């Protein structure tokens, strides 16, 4: 392994994805919570970048270890960019992934495909002893009319990747980890880490 980084997340699905994305770069990823309970980082920022930075800064401040924070969201054009920054908390704090999907499909009921355009956005913040960096990944698609597929997590069952005409949940994690917003942002972070941090 070239080096080790710590992701500030308790989300097992997200951690698994990031481990898969960074493994070809020989970068080991662990949850920061394995070494220190850094507490819950409130996502109070007014952008994905600020939220990601809040997490990465907390991780680095508490442990001194190379820390990655991530914030991502689903932006639906017909809903003027909602749920966006509030994707994780949409529908209320206690809403399940299924509840969020149902709410979204309800709001888009009867809306034709050409108006269901959407994108996943992911911003990764890296904080280490020599500074801070931000990386951004976007994946364009549209919202399906019903949930399809078993893989992935979150909004994956309703986000259609146009080149394939299937949802991320139908395409599976290996495919998603090559083309997703998260893959694009974390690959940029890996290239930077190899060039500037682990060289």
C-alpha atoms as a PDB file:
ATOM      1  CA  UNK A   1       0.000   0.000   0.000  1.00  0.00           C
ATOM      2  CA  UNK A   2       1.180   3.506  -0.894  1.00  0.00           C
ATOM      3  CA  UNK A   3      -0.509   5.080   2.119  1.00  0.00           C
ATOM      4  CA  UNK A   4      -3.509   5.228   4.427  1.00  0.00           C
ATOM      5  CA  UNK A   5      -6.321   7.768   4.586  1.00  0.00           C
ATOM      6  CA  UNK A   6      -9.253   8.150   6.951  1.00  0.00           C
ATOM      7  CA  UNK A   7     -12.785   8.827   5.735  1.00  0.00           C
ATOM      8  CA  UNK A   8     -14.995  10.789   8.112  1.00  0.00           C
ATOM      9  CA  UNK A   9     -18.190   8.757   7.755  1.00  0.00           C
ATOM     10  CA  UNK A  10     -20.300   6.228   9.609  1.00  0.00           C
ATOM     11  CA  UNK A  11     -22.051   5.224   6.370  1.00  0.00           C
ATOM     12  CA  UNK A  12     -20.938   1.645   5.674  1.00  0.00           C
ATOM     13  CA  UNK A  13     -22.165   1.716   2.063  1.00  0.00           C
ATOM     14  CA  UNK A  14     -20.163   4.858   1.343  1.00  0.00           C
ATOM     15  CA  UNK A  15     -17.044   3.490   3.063  1.00  0.00           C
ATOM     16  CA  UNK A  16     -17.247   0.258   1.052  1.00  0.00           C
ATOM     17  CA  UNK A  17     -17.589   2.224  -2.192  1.00  0.00           C
ATOM     18  CA  UNK A  18     -14.617   4.464  -1.436  1.00  0.00           C
ATOM     19  CA  UNK A  19     -12.448   1.462  -0.515  1.00  0.00           C
ATOM     20  CA  UNK A  20     -13.305  -0.108  -3.892  1.00  0.00           C
ATOM     21  CA  UNK A  21     -12.647   3.116  -5.801  1.00  0.00           C
ATOM     22  CA  UNK A  22      -9.246   3.730  -4.181  1.00  0.00           C
ATOM     23  CA  UNK A  23      -7.958   0.135  -4.115  1.00  0.00           C
ATOM     24  CA  UNK A  24      -6.486   0.305  -7.690  1.00  0.00           C
ATOM     25  CA  UNK A  25      -4.388   3.241  -6.447  1.00  0.00           C
ATOM     26  CA  UNK A  26      -2.998   1.115  -3.579  1.00  0.00           C
ATOM     27  CA  UNK A  27      -4.480   3.537  -1.057  1.00  0.00           C
ATOM     28  CA  UNK A  28      -5.952   2.019   2.084  1.00  0.00           C
ATOM     29  CA  UNK A  29      -9.146   3.618   3.435  1.00  0.00           C
ATOM     30  CA  UNK A  30     -10.429   3.319   6.979  1.00  0.00           C
ATOM     31  CA  UNK A  31     -13.261   5.019   8.819  1.00  0.00           C
ATOM     32  CA  UNK A  32     -11.953   7.702  11.174  1.00  0.00           C
ATOM     33  CA  UNK A  33     -14.306   6.220  13.791  1.00  0.00           C
ATOM     34  CA  UNK A  34     -12.100   3.104  13.942  1.00  0.00           C
ATOM     35  CA  UNK A  35      -9.392   5.178  15.645  1.00  0.00           C
ATOM     36  CA  UNK A  36     -11.290   7.997  17.337  1.00  0.00           C
ATOM     37  CA  UNK A  37     -14.895   8.966  17.964  1.00  0.00           C
ATOM     38  CA  UNK A  38     -14.798  12.395  16.374  1.00  0.00           C
ATOM     39  CA  UNK A  39     -18.496  12.878  17.106  1.00  0.00           C
ATOM     40  CA  UNK A  40     -21.230  13.710  14.626  1.00  0.00           C
ATOM     41  CA  UNK A  41     -20.255  16.511  12.250  1.00  0.00           C
ATOM     42  CA  UNK A  42     -23.262  18.740  11.610  1.00  0.00           C
ATOM     43  CA  UNK A  43     -23.609  19.463   7.885  1.00  0.00           C
ATOM     44  CA  UNK A  44     -24.258  23.183   8.350  1.00  0.00           C
ATOM     45  CA  UNK A  45     -22.307  24.389   5.326  1.00  0.00           C
ATOM     46  CA  UNK A  46     -24.008  26.208   2.478  1.00  0.00           C
ATOM     47  CA  UNK A  47     -22.320  24.020  -0.131  1.00  0.00           C
ATOM     48  CA  UNK A  48     -21.126  20.444  -0.603  1.00  0.00           C
ATOM     49  CA  UNK A  49     -17.547  21.716  -0.352  1.00  0.00           C
ATOM     50  CA  UNK A  50     -18.104  23.382   3.025  1.00  0.00           C
ATOM     51  CA  UNK A  51     -19.808  20.276   4.432  1.00  0.00           C
ATOM     52  CA  UNK A  52     -16.993  18.050   3.168  1.00  0.00           C
ATOM     53  CA  UNK A  53     -14.393  20.408   4.667  1.00  0.00           C
ATOM     54  CA  UNK A  54     -16.147  20.471   8.048  1.00  0.00           C
ATOM     55  CA  UNK A  55     -15.824  16.663   8.202  1.00  0.00           C
ATOM     56  CA  UNK A  56     -12.225  16.443   6.982  1.00  0.00           C
ATOM     57  CA  UNK A  57     -11.079  19.245   9.306  1.00  0.00           C
ATOM     58  CA  UNK A  58     -12.717  17.550  12.296  1.00  0.00           C
ATOM     59  CA  UNK A  59     -11.017  14.264  11.426  1.00  0.00           C
ATOM     60  CA  UNK A  60      -7.588  15.855  11.074  1.00  0.00           C
ATOM     61  CA  UNK A  61      -7.934  18.068  14.170  1.00  0.00           C
ATOM     62  CA  UNK A  62      -8.893  15.112  16.368  1.00  0.00           C
ATOM     63  CA  UNK A  63      -6.394  12.542  15.044  1.00  0.00           C
ATOM     64  CA  UNK A  64      -3.645  14.264  13.039  1.00  0.00           C
ATOM     65  CA  UNK A  65      -4.260  11.662  10.327  1.00  0.00           C
ATOM     66  CA  UNK A  66      -4.831  12.342   6.620  1.00  0.00           C
ATOM     67  CA  UNK A  67      -8.585  12.891   6.548  1.00  0.00           C
ATOM     68  CA  UNK A  68     -11.154  12.842   3.771  1.00  0.00           C
ATOM     69  CA  UNK A  69     -14.608  14.353   4.113  1.00  0.00           C
ATOM     70  CA  UNK A  70     -17.303  13.861   1.511  1.00  0.00           C
ATOM     71  CA  UNK A  71     -20.662  15.399   0.785  1.00  0.00           C
ATOM     72  CA  UNK A  72     -22.888  14.453  -2.079  1.00  0.00           C
ATOM     73  CA  UNK A  73     -26.393  14.970  -3.291  1.00  0.00           C
ATOM     74  CA  UNK A  74     -28.944  14.353  -5.996  1.00  0.00           C
ATOM     75  CA  UNK A  75     -30.061  17.445  -7.917  1.00  0.00           C
ATOM     76  CA  UNK A  76     -33.314  17.151  -9.878  1.00  0.00           C
ATOM     77  CA  UNK A  77     -33.844  19.932 -12.433  1.00  0.00           C
ATOM     78  CA  UNK A  78     -37.652  19.772 -12.334  1.00  0.00           C
ATOM     79  CA  UNK A  79     -37.458  20.337  -8.553  1.00  0.00           C
ATOM     80  CA  UNK A  80     -35.079  23.310  -9.000  1.00  0.00           C
ATOM     81  CA  UNK A  81     -32.102  21.312  -7.770  1.00  0.00           C
ATOM     82  CA  UNK A  82     -33.797  19.601  -4.811  1.00  0.00           C
ATOM     83  CA  UNK A  83     -33.081  17.566  -2.769  1.00  0.00           C
ATOM     84  CA  UNK A  84     -29.469  18.708  -3.386  1.00  0.00           C
ATOM     85  CA  UNK A  85     -27.612  19.601  -0.182  1.00  0.00           C
ATOM     86  CA  UNK A  86     -30.431  18.059   1.845  1.00  0.00           C
ATOM     87  CA  UNK A  87     -30.424  14.677   0.060  1.00  0.00           C
ATOM     88  CA  UNK A  88     -29.381  12.746   3.188  1.00  0.00           C
ATOM     89  CA  UNK A  89     -32.005  14.407   5.392  1.00  0.00           C
ATOM     90  CA  UNK A  90     -34.765  14.815   2.814  1.00  0.00           C
ATOM     91  CA  UNK A  91     -38.223  13.826   3.972  1.00  0.00           C
ATOM     92  CA  UNK A  92     -37.207  14.269   7.609  1.00  0.00           C
ATOM     93  CA  UNK A  93     -34.452  12.968   9.890  1.00  0.00           C
ATOM     94  CA  UNK A  94     -36.137   9.581  10.317  1.00  0.00           C
ATOM     95  CA  UNK A  95     -37.059   8.999   6.655  1.00  0.00           C
ATOM     96  CA  UNK A  96     -35.714   5.701   5.307  1.00  0.00           C
ATOM     97  CA  UNK A  97     -34.067   5.474   1.856  1.00  0.00           C
ATOM     98  CA  UNK A  98     -37.364   4.006   0.633  1.00  0.00           C
ATOM     99  CA  UNK A  99     -39.317   6.952   2.046  1.00  0.00           C
ATOM    100  CA  UNK A 100     -37.046   9.437   0.261  1.00  0.00           C
ATOM    101  CA  UNK A 101     -37.396   7.591  -3.037  1.00  0.00           C
ATOM    102  CA  UNK A 102     -41.201   7.427  -2.683  1.00  0.00           C
ATOM    103  CA  UNK A 103     -41.393  11.157  -1.965  1.00  0.00           C
ATOM    104  CA  UNK A 104     -39.247  11.980  -4.995  1.00  0.00           C
ATOM    105  CA  UNK A 105     -41.256   9.732  -7.329  1.00  0.00           C
ATOM    106  CA  UNK A 106     -44.480  11.254  -6.008  1.00  0.00           C
ATOM    107  CA  UNK A 107     -43.262  14.790  -6.797  1.00  0.00           C
ATOM    108  CA  UNK A 108     -42.332  13.687 -10.335  1.00  0.00           C
ATOM    109  CA  UNK A 109     -45.515  11.756 -11.049  1.00  0.00           C
ATOM    110  CA  UNK A 110     -46.647  12.388 -14.632  1.00  0.00           C
ATOM    111  CA  UNK A 111     -43.502  14.372 -15.502  1.00  0.00           C
ATOM    112  CA  UNK A 112     -42.130  13.204 -18.905  1.00  0.00           C
ATOM    113  CA  UNK A 113     -38.637  11.728 -19.160  1.00  0.00           C
ATOM    114  CA  UNK A 114     -37.110  14.763 -20.889  1.00  0.00           C
ATOM    115  CA  UNK A 115     -38.007  16.871 -17.829  1.00  0.00           C
ATOM    116  CA  UNK A 116     -36.709  14.319 -15.292  1.00  0.00           C
ATOM    117  CA  UNK A 117     -33.037  15.231 -15.812  1.00  0.00           C
ATOM    118  CA  UNK A 118     -30.870  15.017 -12.719  1.00  0.00           C
ATOM    119  CA  UNK A 119     -27.305  14.698 -11.578  1.00  0.00           C
ATOM    120  CA  UNK A 120     -25.390  13.219  -8.702  1.00  0.00           C
ATOM    121  CA  UNK A 121     -22.752  15.596  -7.312  1.00  0.00           C
ATOM    122  CA  UNK A 122     -19.915  14.596  -5.004  1.00  0.00           C
ATOM    123  CA  UNK A 123     -17.329  16.852  -3.374  1.00  0.00           C
ATOM    124  CA  UNK A 124     -14.352  15.411  -1.513  1.00  0.00           C
ATOM    125  CA  UNK A 125     -12.241  17.449   0.895  1.00  0.00           C
ATOM    126  CA  UNK A 126      -8.722  16.368   1.838  1.00  0.00           C
ATOM    127  CA  UNK A 127      -7.043  17.780   4.947  1.00  0.00           C
ATOM    128  CA  UNK A 128      -3.490  16.863   5.926  1.00  0.00           C
ATOM    129  CA  UNK A 129      -0.555  18.522   7.665  1.00  0.00           C
ATOM    130  CA  UNK A 130       0.374  20.618   4.649  1.00  0.00           C
ATOM    131  CA  UNK A 131      -3.004  21.932   3.634  1.00  0.00           C
ATOM    132  CA  UNK A 132      -6.476  21.362   2.211  1.00  0.00           C
ATOM    133  CA  UNK A 133      -7.752  20.393  -1.239  1.00  0.00           C
ATOM    134  CA  UNK A 134     -11.202  20.026  -2.817  1.00  0.00           C
ATOM    135  CA  UNK A 135     -12.233  17.601  -5.589  1.00  0.00           C
ATOM    136  CA  UNK A 136     -15.580  17.529  -7.421  1.00  0.00           C
ATOM    137  CA  UNK A 137     -17.305  14.823  -9.450  1.00  0.00           C
ATOM    138  CA  UNK A 138     -20.608  14.990 -11.368  1.00  0.00           C
ATOM    139  CA  UNK A 139     -22.651  12.284 -13.070  1.00  0.00           C
ATOM    140  CA  UNK A 140     -25.569  13.289 -15.316  1.00  0.00           C
ATOM    141  CA  UNK A 141     -28.685  11.166 -15.715  1.00  0.00           C
ATOM    142  CA  UNK A 142     -32.425  11.201 -15.137  1.00  0.00           C
ATOM    143  CA  UNK A 143     -34.955   9.896 -12.627  1.00  0.00           C
ATOM    144  CA  UNK A 144     -36.704   6.609 -13.409  1.00  0.00           C
ATOM    145  CA  UNK A 145     -40.473   6.290 -13.048  1.00  0.00           C
ATOM    146  CA  UNK A 146     -40.068   3.532 -10.467  1.00  0.00           C
ATOM    147  CA  UNK A 147     -37.316   2.069  -8.309  1.00  0.00           C
ATOM    148  CA  UNK A 148     -35.335  -0.655 -10.100  1.00  0.00           C
ATOM    149  CA  UNK A 149     -32.473  -2.878  -8.985  1.00  0.00           C
ATOM    150  CA  UNK A 150     -31.067  -4.201  -5.721  1.00  0.00           C
ATOM    151  CA  UNK A 151     -27.455  -2.941  -5.622  1.00  0.00           C
ATOM    152  CA  UNK A 152     -26.050   0.267  -4.176  1.00  0.00           C
ATOM    153  CA  UNK A 153     -27.727   2.495  -1.602  1.00  0.00           C
ATOM    154  CA  UNK A 154     -29.532   5.810  -1.256  1.00  0.00           C
ATOM    155  CA  UNK A 155     -31.082   7.053  -4.497  1.00  0.00           C
ATOM    156  CA  UNK A 156     -29.321   4.463  -6.716  1.00  0.00           C
ATOM    157  CA  UNK A 157     -32.573   2.569  -7.565  1.00  0.00           C
ATOM    158  CA  UNK A 158     -34.086   5.625  -9.305  1.00  0.00           C
ATOM    159  CA  UNK A 159     -31.036   7.265 -10.917  1.00  0.00           C
ATOM    160  CA  UNK A 160     -30.730   6.172 -14.555  1.00  0.00           C
ATOM    161  CA  UNK A 161     -27.279   6.294 -16.184  1.00  0.00           C
ATOM    162  CA  UNK A 162     -28.182   7.266 -19.799  1.00  0.00           C
ATOM    163  CA  UNK A 163     -25.500   5.344 -21.756  1.00  0.00           C
ATOM    164  CA  UNK A 164     -26.878   2.108 -20.294  1.00  0.00           C
ATOM    165  CA  UNK A 165     -30.526   3.051 -19.749  1.00  0.00           C
ATOM    166  CA  UNK A 166     -30.389   1.367 -16.351  1.00  0.00           C
ATOM    167  CA  UNK A 167     -30.308   2.575 -12.771  1.00  0.00           C
ATOM    168  CA  UNK A 168     -27.120   2.414 -10.716  1.00  0.00           C
ATOM    169  CA  UNK A 169     -28.891  -0.184  -8.558  1.00  0.00           C
ATOM    170  CA  UNK A 170     -29.405  -2.370 -11.663  1.00  0.00           C
ATOM    171  CA  UNK A 171     -25.865  -1.862 -12.977  1.00  0.00           C
ATOM    172  CA  UNK A 172     -24.207  -2.932  -9.731  1.00  0.00           C
ATOM    173  CA  UNK A 173     -21.389  -1.610  -7.597  1.00  0.00           C
ATOM    174  CA  UNK A 174     -18.498  -2.530  -9.902  1.00  0.00           C
ATOM    175  CA  UNK A 175     -20.018  -0.518 -12.754  1.00  0.00           C
ATOM    176  CA  UNK A 176     -21.056   2.348 -10.497  1.00  0.00           C
ATOM    177  CA  UNK A 177     -17.571   2.595  -9.013  1.00  0.00           C
ATOM    178  CA  UNK A 178     -16.169   3.238 -12.487  1.00  0.00           C
ATOM    179  CA  UNK A 179     -18.596   5.942 -13.611  1.00  0.00           C
ATOM    180  CA  UNK A 180     -20.275   7.558 -10.612  1.00  0.00           C
ATOM    181  CA  UNK A 181     -19.911  11.073  -9.235  1.00  0.00           C
ATOM    182  CA  UNK A 182     -18.182   9.588  -6.195  1.00  0.00           C
ATOM    183  CA  UNK A 183     -15.747   7.658  -8.370  1.00  0.00           C
ATOM    184  CA  UNK A 184     -14.835  10.807 -10.312  1.00  0.00           C
ATOM    185  CA  UNK A 185     -14.199  12.904  -7.196  1.00  0.00           C
ATOM    186  CA  UNK A 186     -12.310  10.236  -5.244  1.00  0.00           C
ATOM    187  CA  UNK A 187     -10.127   9.295  -8.223  1.00  0.00           C
ATOM    188  CA  UNK A 188      -9.029  12.924  -8.460  1.00  0.00           C
ATOM    189  CA  UNK A 189      -8.213  12.842  -4.749  1.00  0.00           C
ATOM    190  CA  UNK A 190      -6.228   9.607  -5.216  1.00  0.00           C
ATOM    191  CA  UNK A 191      -4.175  11.080  -8.066  1.00  0.00           C
ATOM    192  CA  UNK A 192      -3.421  14.122  -5.904  1.00  0.00           C
ATOM    193  CA  UNK A 193      -2.487  11.955  -2.913  1.00  0.00           C
ATOM    194  CA  UNK A 194      -0.062   9.892  -4.992  1.00  0.00           C
ATOM    195  CA  UNK A 195       1.459  13.023  -6.558  1.00  0.00           C
ATOM    196  CA  UNK A 196       1.647  15.346  -3.535  1.00  0.00           C
ATOM    197  CA  UNK A 197       1.312  13.361  -0.315  1.00  0.00           C
ATOM    198  CA  UNK A 198       2.547   9.788  -0.699  1.00  0.00           C
ATOM    199  CA  UNK A 199       5.337  10.402  -3.228  1.00  0.00           C
END
